[in-house]
């Protein structure tokens, strides 16, 4: 196992040891895969960063275990057939050895699979929290509601298409999912309130075709788009609606400014398309949208803000 450790690859014992080294609250999060709480930005990073590291290691190990199990199963099946044809007892012994090997590997595969989480919320928050801390202050509260179960759940399903055909595929079924995986809110030191929600809309397409030899093949392809909605509420004592929008083109899908008596509310939205459901969301999208909100107001008490 030393060569694997030298290459930074996890082994069976290190993954279980890594899990045991996590705090009880972190272990619980891997099991529930959901969180709704308020902490400082620094505390969120301390809580979630080790989970992202553990999940990345567990994913690599599970992938390797899956390859081992598939290889052992295929090779063992072929050798068992050859062995039975030559020496029946030898073929039976090979079959038993393959079954024992698969049984020995499966518990570790199941262990990592059961605690597997959607790592996107973890990486997104650990990337954006240090940036928000600059505006919230070291003691500023950051409320988060995270769902790390992933989008492809029955309860997140929003619709299923009727079967249709296209080209060589004689049966195609589209299943649609909606996954609001991250919502949060923070109060900046200047009194500005920021709220956001990131929602994935996934289309899972199952396509079936028959090749020239008559063999049926089915594959599934997932595509997603992510909508990030940000609401920034400014105090009129410090900010007022700008006469015109300034700043660079931020590719906003939605842009609304409402000027009330005591506050100015800016709502902005961006849509990000991804080639597959596993593509992570860059934290800079949220930062860019907050910046777009500030571009739609102007300071009314510049000396107060500078001080």
Protein backbone atom coordinates (compact mmCIF):
# COMPACT_ATOMS: atom_id res chain seq x y z
CA UNK A 1 0.00 0.00 0.00
CA UNK A 2 2.99 2.34 0.36
CA UNK A 3 3.14 3.13 -3.37
CA UNK A 4 -0.53 4.14 -3.33
CA UNK A 5 0.03 6.48 -0.40
CA UNK A 6 3.05 7.96 -2.19
CA UNK A 7 0.78 8.72 -5.15
CA UNK A 8 -1.88 10.19 -2.86
CA UNK A 9 -4.37 7.38 -3.50
CA UNK A 10 -6.55 6.19 -0.58
CA UNK A 11 -6.58 2.55 0.51
CA UNK A 12 -9.31 0.57 2.27
CA UNK A 13 -8.02 1.21 5.79
CA UNK A 14 -7.27 4.91 5.26
CA UNK A 15 -10.84 5.70 4.15
CA UNK A 16 -12.39 4.16 7.25
CA UNK A 17 -9.73 5.87 9.36
CA UNK A 18 -10.48 9.20 7.67
CA UNK A 19 -14.17 8.79 8.44
CA UNK A 20 -13.49 7.98 12.11
CA UNK A 21 -11.24 11.05 12.37
CA UNK A 22 -14.13 13.35 11.40
CA UNK A 23 -16.06 15.09 14.14
CA UNK A 24 -19.40 13.52 15.14
CA UNK A 25 -21.28 16.39 13.49
CA UNK A 26 -19.38 15.87 10.25
CA UNK A 27 -20.09 12.15 10.31
CA UNK A 28 -23.75 12.93 10.84
CA UNK A 29 -23.77 15.28 7.84
CA UNK A 30 -22.40 12.50 5.63
CA UNK A 31 -25.34 10.37 6.70
CA UNK A 32 -28.16 12.93 6.53
CA UNK A 33 -26.63 14.87 3.60
CA UNK A 34 -28.62 17.97 4.55
CA UNK A 35 -27.93 20.98 6.74
CA UNK A 36 -29.89 24.08 7.75
CA UNK A 37 -28.00 26.25 10.23
CA UNK A 38 -26.30 29.57 10.93
CA UNK A 39 -22.56 29.92 11.58
CA UNK A 40 -19.76 32.31 10.82
CA UNK A 41 -18.12 31.98 7.44
CA UNK A 42 -14.93 30.64 9.04
CA UNK A 43 -16.85 27.98 10.96
CA UNK A 44 -18.57 26.84 7.76
CA UNK A 45 -15.21 26.32 6.09
CA UNK A 46 -13.89 24.36 9.07
CA UNK A 47 -17.00 22.16 9.05
CA UNK A 48 -17.38 21.51 5.32
CA UNK A 49 -13.82 21.49 3.91
CA UNK A 50 -12.88 18.14 5.54
CA UNK A 51 -16.10 16.61 4.14
CA UNK A 52 -15.16 17.66 0.60
CA UNK A 53 -11.69 16.13 1.04
CA UNK A 54 -13.09 12.89 2.45
CA UNK A 55 -15.69 12.57 -0.32
CA UNK A 56 -13.08 13.07 -3.06
CA UNK A 57 -10.92 10.30 -1.54
CA UNK A 58 -13.92 8.00 -1.14
CA UNK A 59 -14.96 8.56 -4.77
CA UNK A 60 -11.51 7.55 -6.01
CA UNK A 61 -11.50 4.43 -3.85
CA UNK A 62 -15.04 3.43 -4.89
CA UNK A 63 -14.11 3.84 -8.54
CA UNK A 64 -11.10 1.59 -8.06
CA UNK A 65 -13.11 -0.99 -6.13
CA UNK A 66 -15.74 -1.00 -8.85
CA UNK A 67 -13.04 -1.65 -11.46
CA UNK A 68 -11.60 -4.47 -9.39
CA UNK A 69 -14.99 -6.10 -8.89
CA UNK A 70 -15.85 -5.85 -12.58
CA UNK A 71 -12.46 -7.22 -13.64
CA UNK A 72 -12.55 -10.08 -11.13
CA UNK A 73 -16.10 -10.95 -12.15
CA UNK A 74 -15.39 -11.05 -15.89
CA UNK A 75 -12.01 -12.79 -15.63
CA UNK A 76 -13.32 -15.24 -13.05
CA UNK A 77 -16.34 -16.11 -15.16
CA UNK A 78 -14.15 -16.86 -18.20
CA UNK A 79 -11.63 -18.88 -16.21
CA UNK A 80 -14.40 -20.83 -14.47
CA UNK A 81 -15.94 -21.83 -17.81
CA UNK A 82 -12.54 -22.94 -19.13
CA UNK A 83 -11.79 -24.77 -15.91
CA UNK A 84 -15.10 -26.62 -15.92
CA UNK A 85 -14.44 -27.77 -19.51
CA UNK A 86 -10.98 -29.10 -18.58
CA UNK A 87 -11.17 -30.04 -14.89
CA UNK A 88 -14.65 -29.58 -13.35
CA UNK A 89 -13.29 -29.39 -9.83
CA UNK A 90 -10.83 -26.65 -10.79
CA UNK A 91 -13.61 -24.68 -12.47
CA UNK A 92 -15.76 -24.92 -9.36
CA UNK A 93 -12.83 -23.82 -7.18
CA UNK A 94 -12.27 -20.77 -9.38
CA UNK A 95 -15.95 -19.85 -9.19
CA UNK A 96 -15.89 -20.09 -5.39
CA UNK A 97 -12.71 -17.98 -5.21
CA UNK A 98 -14.31 -15.27 -7.37
CA UNK A 99 -17.42 -15.17 -5.19
CA UNK A 100 -15.32 -14.92 -2.03
CA UNK A 101 -13.26 -12.06 -3.52
CA UNK A 102 -16.39 -10.14 -4.52
CA UNK A 103 -17.93 -10.66 -1.10
CA UNK A 104 -14.73 -9.36 0.53
CA UNK A 105 -14.67 -6.19 -1.63
CA UNK A 106 -18.37 -5.33 -1.58
CA UNK A 107 -18.64 -4.06 2.07
CA UNK A 108 -16.04 -1.38 1.41
CA UNK A 109 -17.73 -0.39 -1.84
CA UNK A 110 -21.07 -0.17 -0.05
CA UNK A 111 -19.50 1.82 2.79
CA UNK A 112 -18.27 4.55 0.45
CA UNK A 113 -21.48 4.46 -1.61
CA UNK A 114 -23.74 4.88 1.42
CA UNK A 115 -21.83 7.99 2.57
CA UNK A 116 -21.44 9.46 -0.91
CA UNK A 117 -22.62 13.06 -1.22
CA UNK A 118 -23.01 15.61 -3.98
CA UNK A 119 -19.73 17.48 -3.52
CA UNK A 120 -20.85 20.60 -5.42
CA UNK A 121 -22.45 22.32 -2.36
CA UNK A 122 -19.35 21.62 -0.27
CA UNK A 123 -16.90 23.01 -2.81
CA UNK A 124 -19.17 25.94 -3.63
CA UNK A 125 -19.50 27.10 -0.02
CA UNK A 126 -15.86 26.52 0.91
CA UNK A 127 -14.98 28.63 -2.12
CA UNK A 128 -17.40 31.50 -1.49
CA UNK A 129 -17.40 31.68 2.34
CA UNK A 130 -13.90 33.23 2.66
CA UNK A 131 -14.95 35.93 0.18
CA UNK A 132 -18.19 36.69 2.03
CA UNK A 133 -16.27 36.85 5.30
CA UNK A 134 -14.56 40.02 4.06
CA UNK A 135 -17.96 41.77 3.94
CA UNK A 136 -19.64 40.01 6.88
CA UNK A 137 -16.77 40.44 9.32
CA UNK A 138 -15.14 37.68 11.36
CA UNK A 139 -18.21 37.35 13.60
CA UNK A 140 -20.82 37.89 10.89
CA UNK A 141 -23.48 35.19 10.64
CA UNK A 142 -23.96 33.18 7.44
CA UNK A 143 -27.14 31.13 7.18
CA UNK A 144 -27.03 28.11 4.87
CA UNK A 145 -29.45 25.46 3.74
CA UNK A 146 -27.63 22.74 1.81
CA UNK A 147 -28.89 19.58 0.13
CA UNK A 148 -26.06 17.17 -0.72
CA UNK A 149 -28.23 14.23 -1.82
CA UNK A 150 -27.89 15.02 -5.53
CA UNK A 151 -30.59 15.88 -8.09
CA UNK A 152 -31.63 12.44 -9.35
CA UNK A 153 -34.11 11.56 -6.62
CA UNK A 154 -37.74 10.55 -7.02
CA UNK A 155 -38.92 13.36 -4.74
CA UNK A 156 -37.12 15.94 -6.93
CA UNK A 157 -38.65 14.66 -10.15
CA UNK A 158 -40.87 17.22 -11.90
CA UNK A 159 -41.98 15.34 -15.01
CA UNK A 160 -41.47 12.49 -17.45
CA UNK A 161 -41.93 12.76 -21.21
CA UNK A 162 -43.84 10.33 -23.38
CA UNK A 163 -41.53 7.91 -25.24
CA UNK A 164 -40.42 9.21 -28.64
CA UNK A 165 -37.92 8.27 -31.33
CA UNK A 166 -35.07 10.13 -32.99
CA UNK A 167 -32.61 8.81 -35.55
CA UNK A 168 -31.32 5.36 -34.65
CA UNK A 169 -32.90 5.52 -31.20
CA UNK A 170 -36.37 4.02 -31.31
CA UNK A 171 -37.23 4.85 -27.68
CA UNK A 172 -36.22 7.99 -25.80
CA UNK A 173 -37.63 9.05 -22.44
CA UNK A 174 -36.74 12.34 -20.76
CA UNK A 175 -37.04 12.70 -16.98
CA UNK A 176 -36.83 16.16 -15.43
CA UNK A 177 -35.58 17.07 -11.95
CA UNK A 178 -35.40 20.27 -9.91
CA UNK A 179 -32.80 20.47 -7.13
CA UNK A 180 -32.52 23.64 -4.98
CA UNK A 181 -29.24 22.51 -3.45
CA UNK A 182 -27.97 25.73 -1.87
CA UNK A 183 -29.76 28.67 -0.25
CA UNK A 184 -28.17 31.22 2.01
CA UNK A 185 -28.24 34.65 3.53
CA UNK A 186 -25.81 37.07 5.09
CA UNK A 187 -25.73 40.57 6.57
CA UNK A 188 -22.80 42.75 5.52
CA UNK A 189 -21.14 45.22 7.84
CA UNK A 190 -22.65 48.13 5.89
CA UNK A 191 -26.16 46.87 6.69
CA UNK A 192 -26.78 45.30 3.28
CA UNK A 193 -28.72 42.02 3.32
CA UNK A 194 -27.84 39.35 0.75
CA UNK A 195 -29.90 36.25 -0.01
CA UNK A 196 -29.40 33.68 -2.73
CA UNK A 197 -30.58 30.30 -3.96
CA UNK A 198 -28.90 27.99 -6.48
CA UNK A 199 -31.18 25.52 -8.27
CA UNK A 200 -30.25 22.77 -10.70
CA UNK A 201 -32.65 21.76 -13.47
CA UNK A 202 -31.60 18.37 -14.83
CA UNK A 203 -32.81 16.47 -17.87
CA UNK A 204 -31.97 12.78 -17.68
CA UNK A 205 -32.38 11.22 -21.12
CA UNK A 206 -32.62 7.44 -21.47
CA UNK A 207 -32.06 6.33 -25.08
CA UNK A 208 -32.49 2.82 -26.52
CA UNK A 209 -31.36 1.55 -29.92
CA UNK A 210 -30.81 -1.74 -31.72
CA UNK A 211 -27.54 -2.31 -33.59
CA UNK A 212 -27.27 -4.18 -36.93
CA UNK A 213 -26.68 -7.46 -35.08
CA UNK A 214 -29.96 -7.06 -33.23
CA UNK A 215 -28.42 -6.26 -29.85
CA UNK A 216 -30.31 -3.70 -27.77
CA UNK A 217 -28.23 -0.94 -26.20
CA UNK A 218 -29.43 1.68 -23.71
CA UNK A 219 -27.57 4.69 -22.42
CA UNK A 220 -28.45 7.58 -20.14
CA UNK A 221 -27.22 11.14 -20.56
CA UNK A 222 -27.76 13.94 -18.07
CA UNK A 223 -27.69 17.65 -18.83
CA UNK A 224 -28.33 20.47 -16.42
CA UNK A 225 -28.69 24.18 -16.15
CA UNK A 226 -28.19 26.06 -12.91
CA UNK A 227 -30.10 29.17 -12.00
CA UNK A 228 -28.58 31.41 -9.34
CA UNK A 229 -30.99 33.99 -7.91
CA UNK A 230 -29.59 36.75 -5.73
CA UNK A 231 -31.52 39.40 -3.79
CA UNK A 232 -29.54 42.32 -2.37
CA UNK A 233 -31.36 44.72 -0.01
CA UNK A 234 -29.69 48.09 0.57
CA UNK A 235 -30.50 50.62 3.31
CA UNK A 236 -31.57 53.96 1.86
CA UNK A 237 -29.50 55.74 4.52
CA UNK A 238 -26.39 54.46 2.76
CA UNK A 239 -27.47 53.59 -0.79
CA UNK A 240 -29.94 54.81 -3.39
CA UNK A 241 -31.01 53.55 -6.80
CA UNK A 242 -28.46 54.45 -9.45
CA UNK A 243 -29.74 56.57 -12.37
CA UNK A 244 -28.41 54.00 -14.84
CA UNK A 245 -26.80 50.58 -14.74
CA UNK A 246 -23.02 50.78 -14.70
CA UNK A 247 -20.31 48.19 -14.92
CA UNK A 248 -19.58 45.35 -17.36
CA UNK A 249 -22.14 43.13 -19.04
CA UNK A 250 -22.65 40.33 -16.53
CA UNK A 251 -24.91 38.12 -18.70
CA UNK A 252 -27.88 38.48 -16.39
CA UNK A 253 -31.11 36.71 -17.25
CA UNK A 254 -33.09 38.68 -14.71
CA UNK A 255 -32.47 42.22 -13.47
CA UNK A 256 -34.98 44.06 -11.28
CA UNK A 257 -34.55 47.07 -9.01
CA UNK A 258 -37.29 48.12 -6.58
CA UNK A 259 -36.95 51.38 -4.68
CA UNK A 260 -39.04 51.43 -1.47
CA UNK A 261 -39.20 54.18 1.14
CA UNK A 262 -36.56 52.74 3.43
CA UNK A 263 -34.66 50.31 1.19
CA UNK A 264 -33.63 49.47 -2.33
CA UNK A 265 -34.05 45.83 -3.40
CA UNK A 266 -32.07 44.47 -6.33
CA UNK A 267 -32.87 41.04 -7.77
CA UNK A 268 -30.56 39.46 -10.32
CA UNK A 269 -30.38 36.01 -11.89
CA UNK A 270 -27.87 34.13 -13.99
CA UNK A 271 -28.34 30.83 -15.83
CA UNK A 272 -25.34 28.52 -16.28
CA UNK A 273 -25.57 25.54 -18.64
CA UNK A 274 -23.46 22.44 -17.95
CA UNK A 275 -22.74 19.38 -20.15
CA UNK A 276 -23.54 16.94 -17.34
CA UNK A 277 -25.08 16.84 -13.88
CA UNK A 278 -21.71 16.40 -12.14
CA UNK A 279 -20.21 19.70 -13.34
CA UNK A 280 -19.55 21.91 -10.27
CA UNK A 281 -20.67 25.51 -10.00
CA UNK A 282 -17.94 28.13 -9.91
CA UNK A 283 -18.29 30.25 -6.70
CA UNK A 284 -17.41 33.34 -8.73
CA UNK A 285 -20.93 33.31 -10.20
CA UNK A 286 -22.39 34.26 -6.82
CA UNK A 287 -19.72 36.90 -6.18
CA UNK A 288 -20.31 38.36 -9.64
CA UNK A 289 -24.08 38.60 -9.04
CA UNK A 290 -23.59 40.37 -5.71
CA UNK A 291 -21.26 42.80 -7.47
CA UNK A 292 -23.96 43.33 -10.11
CA UNK A 293 -26.35 44.30 -7.31
CA UNK A 294 -23.94 46.94 -6.01
CA UNK A 295 -23.59 48.34 -9.53
CA UNK A 296 -27.30 49.18 -9.50
CA UNK A 297 -27.09 51.52 -6.51
CA UNK A 298 -24.96 54.49 -5.53
CA UNK A 299 -23.67 55.51 -2.07
CA UNK A 300 -25.59 58.36 -0.48
CA UNK A 301 -23.23 58.84 2.49
CA UNK A 302 -19.76 58.32 1.11
CA UNK A 303 -17.96 59.51 4.23
CA UNK A 304 -19.88 57.06 6.38
CA UNK A 305 -19.02 54.15 4.10
CA UNK A 306 -15.36 55.02 3.93
CA UNK A 307 -15.13 55.33 7.68
